[in-house]
Amino acid sequence: MAKHVLRLTAVVYILFLLVLPVGLIIWRTFGDGLGPFVEALTSPSAVHAFKVTITVAAWAVVANTVFGVGAALLLVRHEFPGKRLLGAFIDLPMAVSPVVVGLALILVYGRFSPAGGLLESWGIQVIFSTPGMVLATVFVALPLVVRAIVPVLEELGDEQEQAAHTLGASRLQSFVRITLPGIRWALGYGVVLCLARSLGEYGAVAVVSGRLVDQTQTLTLFVEERFQNFDQPAAFAAATALALIAVVTLLLTKLLRPKDLSDGN
């Protein structure tokens, strides 16, 4: 009896929290056919929002992938003072509100701050432009690649790497031929999670972007702006596109995660 009650509770919870809201958005999107959906997503503003979103997400994924692999190797393969503190700092974005992150970036890189003013004098605008949006996205997605790789590295150990070094292999050779193949599934899993987080980021990006239409507007900001301006077809179409991206991301994580959790090979 208790098992059936728990199942029913879980189903009802998911139904009202996830299935009904998303289903309603999809129904409203395709209520008048496929034409309005295609028309809304091919408008100049929507296309520009897609381009900005992809640009920001791509830079964030590249930066977090490079940092994630390096930080994971540092945390697992080396002992040094402040190791636990570094791990805590890496996990910090999971505890800090994205809005706070955006505000902090404005204080550091804003036009009237020392660092921001210096960069502006060199012709580099960070806040209310793509670099600031990339920084905000990198911060909020920072732990994902690291935390996906660390358990697999710990399970792999470093015996094979030590043997390769004994036989004359350089650190780069041992990484490319031994470590990277061993963590490839974990790395792919982390990259997919980082990409999903980057594509759907709203809070920090909304603060540092200025929400400038056709300039610094990502797809999530486009949804809000269109909905507030009573252009519901465009808002629902963009929201459906984000939901479809989320479904694809979920499928990819399901494909990658079992191999990651089994043996890392």
Protein backbone atom coordinates (compact mmCIF):
# COMPACT_ATOMS: atom_id res chain seq x y z
CA MET A 1 0.00 0.00 0.00
CA ALA A 2 2.75 2.45 0.94
CA LYS A 3 4.56 1.70 -2.32
CA HIS A 4 1.49 2.60 -4.37
CA VAL A 5 0.96 5.81 -2.41
CA LEU A 6 4.56 6.85 -3.03
CA ARG A 7 4.22 6.10 -6.74
CA LEU A 8 1.00 8.07 -6.99
CA THR A 9 2.54 10.99 -5.10
CA ALA A 10 5.55 11.03 -7.42
CA VAL A 11 3.37 10.87 -10.54
CA VAL A 12 1.05 13.64 -9.36
CA TYR A 13 4.02 15.79 -8.32
CA ILE A 14 5.71 15.45 -11.71
CA LEU A 15 2.41 15.89 -13.53
CA PHE A 16 1.55 19.23 -11.97
CA LEU A 17 5.10 20.55 -11.68
CA LEU A 18 6.50 19.54 -15.06
CA VAL A 19 4.20 17.76 -17.50
CA LEU A 20 1.22 20.11 -17.40
CA PRO A 21 3.17 23.40 -17.66
CA VAL A 22 5.43 22.16 -20.46
CA GLY A 23 2.55 20.44 -22.22
CA LEU A 24 0.48 23.62 -22.07
CA ILE A 25 3.31 25.65 -23.60
CA ILE A 26 3.69 23.12 -26.43
CA TRP A 27 -0.07 23.07 -26.99
CA ARG A 28 -0.21 26.87 -27.16
CA THR A 29 2.78 26.87 -29.51
CA PHE A 30 1.31 24.50 -32.09
CA GLY A 31 -2.34 25.37 -31.53
CA ASP A 32 -2.50 27.21 -34.87
CA GLY A 33 -0.23 24.81 -36.73
CA LEU A 34 3.46 24.71 -37.53
CA GLY A 35 3.50 27.93 -39.56
CA PRO A 36 3.41 30.44 -36.66
CA PHE A 37 6.10 28.43 -34.85
CA VAL A 38 8.48 28.58 -37.81
CA GLU A 39 7.64 32.22 -38.47
CA ALA A 40 8.34 33.20 -34.87
CA LEU A 41 11.69 31.42 -34.73
CA THR A 42 12.86 32.81 -38.08
CA SER A 43 12.20 36.46 -37.21
CA PRO A 44 15.33 38.66 -37.13
CA SER A 45 15.15 39.11 -33.34
CA ALA A 46 14.74 35.38 -32.70
CA VAL A 47 17.58 34.47 -35.07
CA HIS A 48 19.83 37.02 -33.39
CA ALA A 49 18.90 35.65 -29.96
CA PHE A 50 19.79 32.15 -31.14
CA LYS A 51 23.17 33.37 -32.40
CA VAL A 52 23.97 35.18 -29.15
CA THR A 53 22.91 32.15 -27.11
CA ILE A 54 25.07 29.77 -29.15
CA THR A 55 28.06 32.13 -29.04
CA VAL A 56 27.90 32.60 -25.28
CA ALA A 57 27.29 28.91 -24.61
CA ALA A 58 30.12 27.81 -26.92
CA TRP A 59 32.70 30.05 -25.25
CA ALA A 60 31.50 29.01 -21.80
CA VAL A 61 31.70 25.30 -22.64
CA VAL A 62 35.21 25.63 -24.08
CA ALA A 63 36.45 27.60 -21.06
CA ASN A 64 34.85 25.27 -18.52
CA THR A 65 36.06 22.16 -20.35
CA VAL A 66 39.68 23.31 -20.31
CA PHE A 67 39.43 24.48 -16.71
CA GLY A 68 37.46 21.42 -15.65
CA VAL A 69 39.98 18.92 -16.94
CA GLY A 70 42.90 20.85 -15.45
CA ALA A 71 41.19 21.38 -12.09
CA ALA A 72 40.12 17.74 -11.86
CA LEU A 73 43.67 16.55 -12.51
CA LEU A 74 44.97 19.00 -9.93
CA LEU A 75 42.49 17.90 -7.27
CA VAL A 76 42.94 14.16 -7.83
CA ARG A 77 46.58 13.77 -8.78
CA HIS A 78 48.25 16.29 -6.46
CA GLU A 79 48.35 17.18 -2.77
CA PHE A 80 48.89 20.83 -1.86
CA PRO A 81 47.94 23.34 0.83
CA GLY A 82 44.47 24.74 0.24
CA LYS A 83 43.22 21.77 -1.76
CA ARG A 84 39.92 21.58 0.12
CA LEU A 85 39.50 25.34 -0.16
CA LEU A 86 39.95 25.14 -3.93
CA GLY A 87 37.31 22.42 -4.09
CA ALA A 88 34.95 24.58 -2.07
CA PHE A 89 35.51 27.55 -4.37
CA ILE A 90 34.79 25.38 -7.41
CA ASP A 91 31.45 24.36 -5.87
CA LEU A 92 30.60 27.96 -4.91
CA PRO A 93 28.48 28.69 -8.02
CA MET A 94 26.05 25.98 -6.92
CA ALA A 95 25.32 27.91 -3.72
CA VAL A 96 25.43 31.52 -4.93
CA SER A 97 22.43 33.08 -6.65
CA PRO A 98 23.12 33.87 -10.33
CA VAL A 99 21.77 37.38 -9.76
CA VAL A 100 24.45 37.94 -7.14
CA VAL A 101 27.02 36.71 -9.64
CA GLY A 102 25.83 39.23 -12.20
CA LEU A 103 25.95 42.06 -9.69
CA ALA A 104 29.47 41.07 -8.62
CA LEU A 105 30.65 41.11 -12.23
CA ILE A 106 29.21 44.60 -12.69
CA LEU A 107 31.05 45.80 -9.59
CA VAL A 108 34.33 44.35 -10.88
CA TYR A 109 34.08 45.00 -14.63
CA GLY A 110 31.62 47.89 -14.82
CA ARG A 111 32.57 51.09 -16.59
CA PHE A 112 33.20 52.96 -13.34
CA SER A 113 35.29 50.25 -11.67
CA PRO A 114 39.11 50.28 -11.94
CA ALA A 115 39.30 47.05 -13.94
CA GLY A 116 36.32 47.90 -16.13
CA GLY A 117 37.55 51.42 -16.76
CA LEU A 118 40.97 50.11 -17.79
CA LEU A 119 39.46 47.61 -20.18
CA GLU A 120 37.16 50.28 -21.61
CA SER A 121 40.21 52.47 -22.29
CA TRP A 122 41.62 49.58 -24.32
CA GLY A 123 38.38 49.30 -26.27
CA ILE A 124 37.12 46.20 -24.46
CA GLN A 125 33.60 46.46 -23.07
CA VAL A 126 32.74 43.64 -20.67
CA ILE A 127 29.43 44.60 -19.09
CA PHE A 128 26.40 44.93 -21.40
CA SER A 129 28.24 42.98 -24.08
CA THR A 130 29.16 39.43 -25.00
CA PRO A 131 32.32 39.12 -22.81
CA GLY A 132 30.34 39.85 -19.64
CA MET A 133 27.67 37.35 -20.63
CA VAL A 134 30.34 34.72 -21.24
CA LEU A 135 31.94 35.41 -17.85
CA ALA A 136 28.58 35.10 -16.09
CA THR A 137 27.78 31.84 -17.88
CA VAL A 138 31.24 30.41 -17.20
CA PHE A 139 30.80 31.10 -13.49
CA VAL A 140 27.38 29.49 -13.09
CA ALA A 141 28.43 26.35 -15.01
CA LEU A 142 31.92 26.13 -13.48
CA PRO A 143 31.59 22.98 -11.30
CA LEU A 144 29.86 20.71 -13.81
CA VAL A 145 32.81 19.40 -15.83
CA VAL A 146 35.06 19.19 -12.77
CA ARG A 147 32.59 17.19 -10.70
CA ALA A 148 31.86 14.84 -13.59
CA ILE A 149 35.54 13.97 -14.09
CA VAL A 150 36.84 13.80 -10.51
CA PRO A 151 35.14 10.48 -9.48
CA VAL A 152 36.30 8.75 -12.66
CA LEU A 153 39.87 9.95 -12.21
CA GLU A 154 39.85 8.70 -8.62
CA GLU A 155 38.63 5.30 -9.78
CA LEU A 156 41.19 5.07 -12.58
CA GLY A 157 44.17 5.74 -10.33
CA ASP A 158 47.54 6.79 -11.70
CA GLU A 159 49.35 3.44 -12.02
CA GLN A 160 49.18 3.41 -15.82
CA GLU A 161 50.36 7.00 -16.03
CA GLN A 162 53.31 6.25 -13.73
CA ALA A 163 54.22 3.25 -15.86
CA ALA A 164 54.10 5.38 -19.00
CA HIS A 165 56.39 7.96 -17.38
CA THR A 166 58.81 5.19 -16.43
CA LEU A 167 58.91 4.09 -20.07
CA GLY A 168 59.79 7.61 -21.17
CA ALA A 169 56.40 9.09 -22.07
CA SER A 170 55.92 12.78 -21.46
CA ARG A 171 53.04 14.10 -19.37
CA LEU A 172 51.25 15.22 -22.53
CA GLN A 173 51.65 11.80 -24.14
CA SER A 174 50.39 9.97 -21.07
CA PHE A 175 47.44 12.35 -20.82
CA VAL A 176 46.45 11.94 -24.49
CA ARG A 177 46.98 8.17 -24.65
CA ILE A 178 45.96 7.06 -21.15
CA THR A 179 44.09 9.66 -19.10
CA LEU A 180 41.88 11.18 -21.82
CA PRO A 181 40.54 7.83 -23.11
CA GLY A 182 39.80 6.85 -19.52
CA ILE A 183 37.75 9.94 -18.77
CA ARG A 184 36.13 10.47 -22.18
CA TRP A 185 32.63 9.44 -21.08
CA ALA A 186 32.81 11.52 -17.92
CA LEU A 187 34.15 14.45 -19.94
CA GLY A 188 31.34 14.13 -22.47
CA TYR A 189 28.79 13.94 -19.67
CA GLY A 190 30.19 17.07 -18.03
CA VAL A 191 30.33 18.96 -21.32
CA VAL A 192 26.68 18.15 -22.06
CA LEU A 193 25.63 19.30 -18.59
CA CYS A 194 27.68 22.47 -18.98
CA LEU A 195 26.13 23.14 -22.40
CA ALA A 196 22.61 22.67 -21.04
CA ARG A 197 23.31 24.99 -18.10
CA SER A 198 24.82 27.59 -20.41
CA LEU A 199 21.97 27.52 -22.91
CA GLY A 200 19.33 27.92 -20.20
CA GLU A 201 21.07 30.50 -18.01
CA TYR A 202 18.93 33.53 -17.21
CA GLY A 203 19.67 35.31 -13.90
CA ALA A 204 23.33 36.27 -14.20
CA VAL A 205 23.06 36.93 -17.94
CA ALA A 206 20.01 39.15 -17.43
CA VAL A 207 21.99 41.34 -15.02
CA VAL A 208 25.21 41.76 -17.03
CA SER A 209 23.65 41.89 -20.52
CA GLY A 210 21.40 44.90 -20.02
CA ARG A 211 18.72 42.96 -21.98
CA LEU A 212 19.38 45.00 -25.11
CA VAL A 213 17.07 43.77 -27.86
CA ASP A 214 18.92 42.59 -30.98
CA GLN A 215 22.24 43.18 -29.19
CA THR A 216 22.70 41.24 -25.95
CA GLN A 217 19.50 39.22 -25.88
CA THR A 218 19.80 35.47 -25.43
CA LEU A 219 16.94 33.08 -26.11
CA THR A 220 15.83 33.02 -22.47
CA LEU A 221 15.77 36.81 -22.39
CA PHE A 222 13.92 36.80 -25.71
CA VAL A 223 11.17 34.65 -24.17
CA GLU A 224 10.69 37.09 -21.31
CA GLU A 225 10.80 40.20 -23.50
CA ARG A 226 8.30 38.82 -26.03
CA PHE A 227 5.92 37.64 -23.31
CA GLN A 228 6.01 41.00 -21.52
CA ASN A 229 5.27 42.72 -24.83
CA PHE A 230 2.23 40.45 -25.38
CA ASP A 231 3.82 38.61 -28.31
CA GLN A 232 2.80 35.23 -26.96
CA PRO A 233 3.33 33.20 -30.17
CA ALA A 234 7.00 34.21 -30.28
CA ALA A 235 7.44 33.64 -26.53
CA PHE A 236 5.84 30.20 -26.66
CA ALA A 237 7.81 29.23 -29.77
CA ALA A 238 11.15 30.17 -28.18
CA ALA A 239 10.17 28.44 -24.93
CA THR A 240 9.31 25.29 -26.88
CA ALA A 241 12.68 25.45 -28.63
CA LEU A 242 14.39 25.63 -25.24
CA ALA A 243 12.31 22.69 -24.02
CA LEU A 244 13.30 20.63 -27.06
CA ILE A 245 16.95 21.45 -26.42
CA ALA A 246 16.47 20.29 -22.82
CA VAL A 247 14.98 16.98 -24.01
CA VAL A 248 17.91 16.39 -26.38
CA THR A 249 20.32 17.21 -23.56
CA LEU A 250 18.55 14.77 -21.26
CA LEU A 251 18.84 12.00 -23.84
CA LEU A 252 22.54 12.71 -24.31
CA THR A 253 23.20 12.59 -20.57
CA LYS A 254 21.35 9.28 -20.34
CA LEU A 255 23.51 7.89 -23.15
CA LEU A 256 26.75 9.13 -21.61
CA ARG A 257 26.17 8.62 -17.90
CA PRO A 258 25.99 4.79 -17.70
CA LYS A 259 29.43 4.36 -19.28
CA ASP A 260 30.78 7.11 -17.06
CA LEU A 261 29.50 5.38 -13.94
CA SER A 262 30.52 1.88 -14.93
CA ASP A 263 34.24 1.84 -15.55
CA GLY A 264 35.16 5.16 -17.18
CA ASN A 265 36.30 3.35 -20.35
